[in-house]
Protein backbone atom coordinates (compact mmCIF):
# COMPACT_ATOMS: atom_id res chain seq x y z
CA MET A 1 117.21 163.79 37.51
CA ARG A 2 114.04 162.44 35.86
CA LEU A 3 115.47 158.91 35.99
CA ARG A 4 116.13 159.34 39.69
CA HIS A 5 112.51 160.32 40.31
CA VAL A 6 111.31 157.34 38.32
CA LEU A 7 113.50 154.93 40.31
CA ALA A 8 112.40 156.51 43.56
CA GLY A 9 108.77 156.10 42.58
CA ALA A 10 109.32 152.44 41.77
CA VAL A 11 111.42 151.52 44.77
CA LEU A 12 109.37 153.36 47.41
CA PRO A 13 106.33 151.04 47.24
CA LEU A 14 108.60 148.03 47.50
CA VAL A 15 110.28 149.44 50.62
CA LEU A 16 106.90 150.23 52.19
CA CYS A 17 105.67 146.69 51.49
CA ALA A 18 108.80 145.16 53.00
CA SER A 19 108.50 147.40 56.05
CA LEU A 20 104.88 146.46 56.56
CA TRP A 21 105.77 142.79 56.11
CA LEU A 22 108.39 143.08 58.87
CA VAL A 23 106.26 145.17 61.25
CA LEU A 24 102.89 143.53 60.95
CA PRO A 25 102.41 140.08 62.64
CA LEU A 26 102.53 137.09 60.34
CA GLY A 27 99.18 135.78 59.40
CA SER A 28 100.08 132.25 60.39
CA GLU A 29 101.21 133.39 63.86
CA ALA A 30 98.34 135.80 64.52
CA SER A 31 95.65 133.40 63.37
CA PRO A 32 94.27 130.58 65.59
CA GLN A 33 96.13 128.10 63.40
CA GLY A 34 99.40 129.99 64.06
CA ARG A 35 98.72 130.14 67.77
CA ALA A 36 97.93 126.42 67.81
CA ALA A 37 101.16 125.60 65.99
CA SER A 38 103.18 127.86 68.30
CA LEU A 39 101.56 126.37 71.40
CA GLN A 40 102.15 122.84 70.09
CA LYS A 41 105.82 123.68 69.54
CA LYS A 42 106.10 125.02 73.10
CA ILE A 43 104.27 121.94 74.38
CA ASP A 44 106.65 119.63 72.54
CA THR A 45 109.66 121.57 73.86
CA THR A 46 108.32 121.46 77.42
CA ARG A 47 107.58 117.74 77.13
CA GLY A 48 111.14 117.20 75.95
CA LYS A 49 112.44 119.07 78.99
CA ILE A 50 110.17 117.05 81.27
CA GLY A 51 111.38 113.84 79.63
CA ARG A 52 114.98 114.86 80.20
CA ARG A 53 114.23 115.69 83.83
CA LYS A 54 112.57 112.31 84.27
CA GLY A 55 115.62 110.67 82.74
CA THR A 56 117.83 112.63 85.14
CA GLU A 57 115.60 111.53 88.01
CA HIS A 58 116.00 107.92 86.91
CA VAL A 59 119.78 108.30 86.75
CA LEU A 60 119.81 110.06 90.13
CA THR A 61 117.65 107.33 91.62
CA SER A 62 120.15 104.70 90.48
CA ASP A 63 123.02 106.86 91.69
CA ILE A 64 121.26 107.40 95.02
CA GLN A 65 120.84 103.64 95.36
CA ARG A 66 124.59 103.20 94.89
CA TRP A 67 125.27 105.92 97.42
CA SER A 68 122.81 104.31 99.83
CA THR A 69 124.81 101.08 99.55
CA ARG A 70 128.00 103.00 100.29
CA ILE A 71 126.31 104.77 103.18
CA SER A 72 125.22 101.42 104.62
CA LYS A 73 128.82 100.24 104.46
CA LEU A 74 129.96 103.48 106.09
CA GLN A 75 127.42 102.98 108.85
CA GLY A 76 128.83 99.49 109.42
CA SER A 77 132.32 100.98 109.67
CA ILE A 78 131.04 103.58 112.12
CA SER A 79 129.54 100.85 114.32
CA THR A 80 132.81 98.90 114.19
CA LEU A 81 134.82 102.00 115.09
CA GLN A 82 132.45 102.81 117.95
CA THR A 83 132.86 99.29 119.35
CA ARG A 84 136.63 99.59 119.02
CA GLU A 85 136.57 102.98 120.74
CA GLN A 86 134.58 101.58 123.65
CA ARG A 87 136.97 98.65 123.97
CA ILE A 88 140.06 100.90 123.93
CA GLN A 89 138.44 103.29 126.40
CA ALA A 90 137.74 100.39 128.80
CA ASP A 91 141.34 99.20 128.44
CA LEU A 92 142.58 102.75 128.98
CA ASP A 93 140.52 103.09 132.16
CA ALA A 94 141.91 99.77 133.44
CA ARG A 95 145.47 100.86 132.67
CA ARG A 96 144.93 104.15 134.42
CA ASN A 97 143.59 102.40 137.52
CA GLU A 98 146.58 100.06 137.45
CA LEU A 99 148.91 103.04 137.09
CA VAL A 100 147.30 104.81 140.05
CA SER A 101 147.65 101.65 142.17
CA THR A 102 151.27 101.19 141.09
CA GLN A 103 152.10 104.81 141.81
CA LYS A 104 150.55 104.48 145.28
CA GLN A 105 152.54 101.30 145.93
CA LEU A 106 155.66 102.99 144.61
CA ARG A 107 155.25 105.90 147.03
CA SER A 108 154.77 103.44 149.90
CA GLU A 109 157.89 101.48 148.93
CA ARG A 110 159.91 104.65 148.61
CA ALA A 111 158.88 105.77 152.10
CA ARG A 112 159.68 102.31 153.51
CA LEU A 113 163.07 102.33 151.79
CA ALA A 114 163.81 105.72 153.28
CA ARG A 115 162.92 104.39 156.76
CA LEU A 116 165.06 101.28 156.22
CA ARG A 117 167.98 103.34 155.07
CA ALA A 118 167.70 105.56 158.15
CA ARG A 119 167.44 102.48 160.35
CA LEU A 120 170.43 100.92 158.60
CA ALA A 121 172.46 104.08 159.07
CA GLU A 122 171.58 104.15 162.78
CA GLY A 123 172.49 100.46 163.16
CA ARG A 124 175.77 101.01 161.42
CA ARG A 125 176.52 103.97 163.66
CA ILE A 126 175.80 101.93 166.79
CA LEU A 127 177.82 99.00 165.49
CA SER A 128 180.77 101.23 164.65
CA ARG A 129 180.70 102.77 168.12
CA ARG A 130 180.48 99.35 169.73
CA LEU A 131 183.37 98.04 167.68
CA ALA A 132 185.43 101.07 168.69
CA GLU A 133 184.61 100.41 172.36
CA LEU A 134 185.58 96.78 172.01
CA TYR A 135 188.81 97.75 170.32
CA GLU A 136 189.70 100.28 173.00
CA ALA A 137 188.90 97.92 175.91
CA ASP A 138 190.49 94.55 176.44
CA LYS A 139 188.20 91.64 176.20
CA PRO A 140 187.65 90.44 179.83
CA ASP A 141 188.58 86.82 180.30
CA LEU A 142 186.91 84.45 182.76
CA VAL A 143 189.86 84.48 185.24
CA THR A 144 189.84 88.27 185.50
CA VAL A 145 186.13 88.35 186.08
CA VAL A 146 186.40 85.66 188.83
CA LEU A 147 189.38 87.22 190.63
CA ASN A 148 187.92 90.72 190.59
CA SER A 149 184.52 89.66 191.82
CA LYS A 150 183.60 90.33 195.46
CA GLY A 151 181.84 87.13 196.08
CA PHE A 152 179.62 84.69 194.36
CA ALA A 153 176.74 87.10 193.97
CA ASP A 154 178.96 89.68 192.38
CA LEU A 155 180.32 86.97 190.10
CA LEU A 156 176.85 86.03 188.96
CA GLU A 157 175.96 89.64 188.42
CA ARG A 158 179.08 90.26 186.35
CA GLY A 159 178.46 87.11 184.26
CA GLU A 160 174.90 88.20 183.56
CA PHE A 161 176.15 91.65 182.54
CA LEU A 162 178.64 90.12 180.11
CA GLY A 163 175.86 87.95 178.65
CA ARG A 164 173.65 90.97 178.12
CA ILE A 165 176.47 92.83 176.43
CA GLN A 166 177.03 89.84 174.14
CA GLU A 167 173.28 89.63 173.38
CA GLN A 168 173.11 93.36 172.63
CA ASP A 169 176.08 93.06 170.30
CA ASN A 170 174.39 90.17 168.53
CA ASN A 171 171.14 92.18 168.20
CA VAL A 172 172.98 95.14 166.74
CA ILE A 173 174.74 92.91 164.24
CA LYS A 174 171.45 91.18 163.33
CA LEU A 175 169.71 94.54 162.99
CA VAL A 176 172.36 95.83 160.65
CA ARG A 177 172.37 92.60 158.63
CA ASP A 178 168.56 92.43 158.38
CA ALA A 179 168.26 96.12 157.58
CA LYS A 180 170.83 95.79 154.84
CA ALA A 181 169.12 92.76 153.33
CA ASP A 182 165.67 94.41 153.56
CA ALA A 183 166.98 97.62 152.03
CA THR A 184 168.55 95.65 149.16
CA ALA A 185 165.29 93.76 148.52
CA THR A 186 163.23 96.96 148.76
CA ALA A 187 165.57 98.72 146.35
CA ALA A 188 165.11 95.85 143.89
CA ARG A 189 161.30 96.01 144.23
CA LEU A 190 161.43 99.77 143.87
CA ASP A 191 163.46 99.47 140.68
CA LYS A 192 160.93 96.95 139.31
CA LEU A 193 158.01 99.23 140.21
CA GLU A 194 159.69 102.19 138.54
CA ARG A 195 160.16 100.19 135.33
CA ARG A 196 156.52 99.06 135.53
CA GLN A 197 155.44 102.66 136.02
CA GLN A 198 157.30 103.69 132.88
CA GLN A 199 155.74 100.83 130.91
CA LEU A 200 152.23 101.68 132.10
CA THR A 201 152.75 105.35 131.34
CA THR A 202 153.81 104.47 127.79
CA ILE A 203 150.82 102.12 127.35
CA VAL A 204 148.39 104.74 128.65
CA LEU A 205 149.77 107.35 126.25
CA GLN A 206 149.55 104.90 123.33
CA ARG A 207 145.97 103.99 124.20
CA ARG A 208 145.04 107.64 124.52
CA ASP A 209 146.48 108.34 121.06
CA GLN A 210 144.54 105.37 119.68
CA VAL A 211 141.28 106.68 121.16
CA ALA A 212 141.93 110.13 119.70
CA GLN A 213 142.66 108.59 116.29
CA VAL A 214 139.51 106.45 116.36
CA LYS A 215 137.40 109.44 117.38
CA GLN A 216 138.80 111.46 114.48
CA GLN A 217 138.00 108.61 112.10
CA LEU A 218 134.44 108.54 113.43
CA ILE A 219 134.09 112.29 112.94
CA ASP A 220 135.45 112.16 109.39
CA THR A 221 133.17 109.24 108.51
CA ARG A 222 130.09 110.97 109.91
CA VAL A 223 130.93 114.18 108.03
CA GLY A 224 131.17 112.16 104.81
CA TYR A 225 127.87 110.45 105.61
CA GLN A 226 126.10 113.77 106.18
CA GLN A 227 127.60 115.31 103.04
CA THR A 228 126.55 112.34 100.90
CA ARG A 229 123.03 112.39 102.29
CA ASN A 230 122.69 116.14 101.78
CA ASP A 231 124.03 115.96 98.22
CA LYS A 232 121.57 113.19 97.47
CA LYS A 233 118.60 115.14 98.81
CA ASN A 234 119.63 118.40 97.15
CA ALA A 235 120.18 116.84 93.73
CA LEU A 236 116.93 114.88 93.73
CA GLY A 237 114.94 117.75 95.21
CA LYS A 238 116.23 120.19 92.60
CA VAL A 239 115.35 117.91 89.67
CA ARG A 240 111.91 117.13 91.07
CA THR A 241 111.18 120.82 91.62
CA GLU A 242 112.22 121.61 88.06
CA ARG A 243 110.07 118.77 86.70
CA LYS A 244 107.00 119.84 88.69
CA SER A 245 107.45 123.41 87.53
CA LEU A 246 107.69 122.24 83.91
CA GLU A 247 104.62 120.00 84.34
CA THR A 248 102.66 122.95 85.74
CA HIS A 249 103.77 125.04 82.78
CA LEU A 250 102.80 122.20 80.44
CA ASP A 251 99.32 122.04 82.00
CA GLU A 252 98.87 125.75 81.36
CA LEU A 253 100.07 125.41 77.77
CA GLN A 254 97.79 122.42 77.24
CA LYS A 255 94.78 124.30 78.59
CA GLU A 256 95.49 127.18 76.26
CA SER A 257 96.01 124.75 73.38
CA ASP A 258 92.68 123.07 74.10
CA LYS A 259 90.96 126.46 74.06
CA VAL A 260 92.53 127.21 70.70
CA GLN A 261 91.46 123.79 69.42
CA ALA A 262 87.90 124.47 70.56
CA GLN A 263 88.07 127.87 68.84
CA LEU A 264 89.31 126.26 65.64
CA GLN A 265 86.43 123.79 65.79
CA GLY A 266 83.99 126.67 66.24
CA GLY A 267 82.81 125.31 69.54
CA GLY A 268 81.90 122.00 67.98
CA SER A 269 83.67 118.70 67.88
CA LEU A 270 84.68 115.92 65.56
CA PRO A 271 82.03 113.41 64.46
CA ALA A 272 81.17 110.98 67.22
CA GLY A 273 81.49 108.03 64.89
CA PRO A 274 79.86 104.62 65.33
CA ILE A 275 79.60 102.94 68.72
CA LYS A 276 82.24 100.24 69.16
CA GLY A 277 81.08 97.28 71.20
CA GLY A 278 82.99 94.31 72.53
CA SER A 279 82.47 91.04 74.34
CA GLY A 280 82.17 92.66 77.75
CA ARG A 281 79.62 94.79 79.52
CA PHE A 282 80.96 98.19 78.36
CA ILE A 283 81.23 99.81 74.95
CA TRP A 284 84.48 101.50 73.90
CA PRO A 285 84.36 105.19 74.89
CA VAL A 286 86.28 106.19 71.71
CA ASN A 287 87.49 104.47 68.55
CA GLY A 288 91.29 104.50 68.37
CA PRO A 289 94.45 102.43 68.81
CA LEU A 290 95.52 101.32 72.27
CA THR A 291 98.83 103.09 73.08
CA SER A 292 99.30 102.16 76.75
CA PRO A 293 98.04 98.91 78.31
CA PHE A 294 96.81 98.56 81.86
CA CYS A 295 99.45 98.62 84.65
CA GLU A 296 102.26 99.60 82.30
CA SER A 297 105.45 100.47 84.21
CA ARG A 298 106.75 104.00 83.71
CA ALA A 299 109.55 106.14 85.11
CA TRP A 300 107.09 108.09 87.30
CA GLU A 301 104.72 105.25 88.21
CA SER A 302 105.06 101.52 88.71
CA CYS A 303 101.56 100.69 87.41
CA HIS A 304 99.58 102.81 84.95
CA PRO A 305 96.03 102.76 86.42
CA GLY A 306 94.14 102.51 83.14
CA ILE A 307 94.50 102.26 79.36
CA ASP A 308 95.33 105.04 76.88
CA ILE A 309 93.48 105.27 73.56
CA ALA A 310 94.96 107.62 70.95
CA VAL A 311 92.42 109.96 69.33
CA PRO A 312 92.59 113.56 68.02
CA THR A 313 91.73 116.44 70.32
CA GLY A 314 87.98 117.10 70.21
CA THR A 315 86.91 113.50 69.63
CA PRO A 316 83.55 112.86 71.36
CA ILE A 317 83.78 110.54 74.38
CA ARG A 318 80.88 108.16 74.98
CA ALA A 319 79.73 106.80 78.35
CA ALA A 320 80.78 103.14 78.53
CA ASP A 321 77.49 102.38 80.30
CA GLY A 322 74.58 104.23 81.84
CA GLY A 323 74.80 105.74 85.32
CA ARG A 324 75.15 108.85 87.45
CA VAL A 325 78.07 111.34 87.11
CA ALA A 326 80.04 111.25 90.37
CA ILE A 327 83.04 113.41 89.35
CA ALA A 328 83.26 116.09 86.63
CA GLY A 329 86.10 118.61 86.88
CA TRP A 330 89.83 119.19 87.04
CA VAL A 331 91.66 116.46 89.02
CA GLY A 332 95.47 116.94 89.20
CA GLY A 333 97.42 114.99 86.58
CA TYR A 334 94.18 113.66 85.06
CA GLY A 335 93.27 117.16 83.85
CA ASN A 336 89.56 117.35 83.03
CA TYR A 337 88.24 114.15 84.59
CA THR A 338 84.84 112.47 84.65
CA CYS A 339 83.73 109.42 86.65
CA ILE A 340 80.38 107.70 86.14
CA GLN A 341 78.89 105.47 88.87
CA HIS A 342 77.18 102.52 87.19
CA THR A 343 76.40 100.37 90.26
CA ALA A 344 77.09 100.62 93.97
CA SER A 345 80.64 99.31 93.41
CA LEU A 346 81.35 99.69 89.65
CA SER A 347 82.38 102.93 87.93
CA THR A 348 84.32 104.17 84.88
CA CYS A 349 86.55 107.26 84.62
CA TYR A 350 87.75 109.37 81.68
CA GLY A 351 90.85 111.62 81.83
CA HIS A 352 92.65 114.39 79.88
CA GLN A 353 89.45 115.77 78.32
CA SER A 354 89.56 119.11 76.53
CA VAL A 355 85.87 119.80 77.22
CA LEU A 356 83.45 118.42 79.82
CA LYS A 357 79.84 118.04 78.66
CA VAL A 358 78.27 116.65 81.88
CA SER A 359 78.04 117.77 85.49
CA VAL A 360 78.03 116.02 88.87
CA GLY A 361 74.73 114.32 89.67
CA GLN A 362 73.61 114.14 86.03
CA SER A 363 72.26 110.84 84.74
CA VAL A 364 73.70 109.59 81.47
CA SER A 365 72.77 106.73 79.20
CA LYS A 366 75.07 104.21 77.58
CA GLY A 367 76.76 105.71 74.51
CA SER A 368 75.86 109.35 75.26
CA VAL A 369 78.60 111.95 74.73
CA ILE A 370 80.04 113.09 78.07
CA GLY A 371 83.02 115.18 76.82
CA LEU A 372 85.70 115.76 74.19
CA SER A 373 89.16 114.20 74.18
CA GLY A 374 92.27 116.31 74.71
CA SER A 375 95.61 116.42 76.48
CA THR A 376 94.95 118.23 79.76
CA GLY A 377 96.83 117.37 82.97
CA HIS A 378 100.00 115.29 82.79
CA SER A 379 99.71 114.08 79.25
CA THR A 380 102.16 113.34 76.44
CA GLY A 381 99.67 114.04 73.64
CA PRO A 382 95.99 113.95 72.68
CA HIS A 383 94.38 110.73 73.90
CA LEU A 384 91.75 109.35 76.29
CA HIS A 385 92.80 107.82 79.60
CA PHE A 386 90.10 105.24 80.49
CA GLU A 387 89.75 103.53 83.87
CA VAL A 388 87.47 100.92 85.43
CA ARG A 389 87.16 100.96 89.21
CA VAL A 390 85.52 98.50 91.63
CA ASN A 391 84.96 99.95 95.09
CA GLY A 392 87.40 102.68 94.07
CA ALA A 393 90.24 100.28 93.14
CA VAL A 394 91.41 100.25 89.52
CA GLN A 395 90.80 97.14 87.43
CA ASN A 396 91.93 96.09 83.96
CA PRO A 397 89.41 97.74 81.57
CA MET A 398 90.03 95.06 78.94
CA ASN A 399 88.12 92.60 81.18
CA TYR A 400 84.98 94.77 80.75
CA LEU A 401 85.22 95.87 77.10
């Protein structure tokens, strides 16, 4: 029992220490140094995500270019199909007009054939009756007509009557013969027109099917075009939205990191160091290696508008020349941004500062400290973004340093 109490007395302090160690915040995390390290880790993670999004944007841009080429080809196919549809529609209209004309002519020929057949039937009936009459009556010879006549006048009258009968018989025969020939010819034309009607009907149906097929092809092609365009916009828009959201989050993290850096420095800054001159009009605003030259091409911009000089956060920034402060504040991707007007057309600008030490309208001399370097705005790490502008247009700073 005594041994148990002894062990309990020895173990209990150890348990309490372990519990306090687990419950209480770590010194490294709770301290400004811990916060700075944590923020830097989050910043690095966010920058990695932004880099991946930019890479995705680059891939999507290339992919969109390929799709744009395909879409251009599809648009050419659509134009070709539209021309073909118009041509087939014109041909279809012509065939329909020809069919209407043929059907009208066919109806006329059918009516004429019916009339001819009725006329032929009537002629045949008359001819049959006349033949029956001739068969039943003896053919009068010239002697009988002369002997039975009551004089010369009666003879002439009977001769004229016989001539008229002969003429009428000839007319009936001619009528029957002509009607038969006309009916035969009309029947042949009618048969030809009927075959033509069938051919035209088949052609019209084929053309109609072709037009329907071409229209369906046009619809399918346009649907594909719309779908491709929408997919392209949605994919690019989604990635850009994600990147902008991450960049906004990165700006907030960087601002907080700069505050922590200022806290760690006790409100002060690193030593300003000696002034670095060159062969040009301006002095170097900071002493550090050049990490990005002027007009460098990047994934998000075709021409970097200044130069980047790598220095630790909190490094004093000197005015490249004397002048009046025209801009001093937060400017989008530049973060904390200062511009100094040296002449009516010449000015210099300083981006991504952690602290601004001048205000708009203030006069500064060459070499005076105007702020502290940092990584505010759209920045990949602590550095100074330095610009030279003439009438507002960026110039290569190396020509002035």
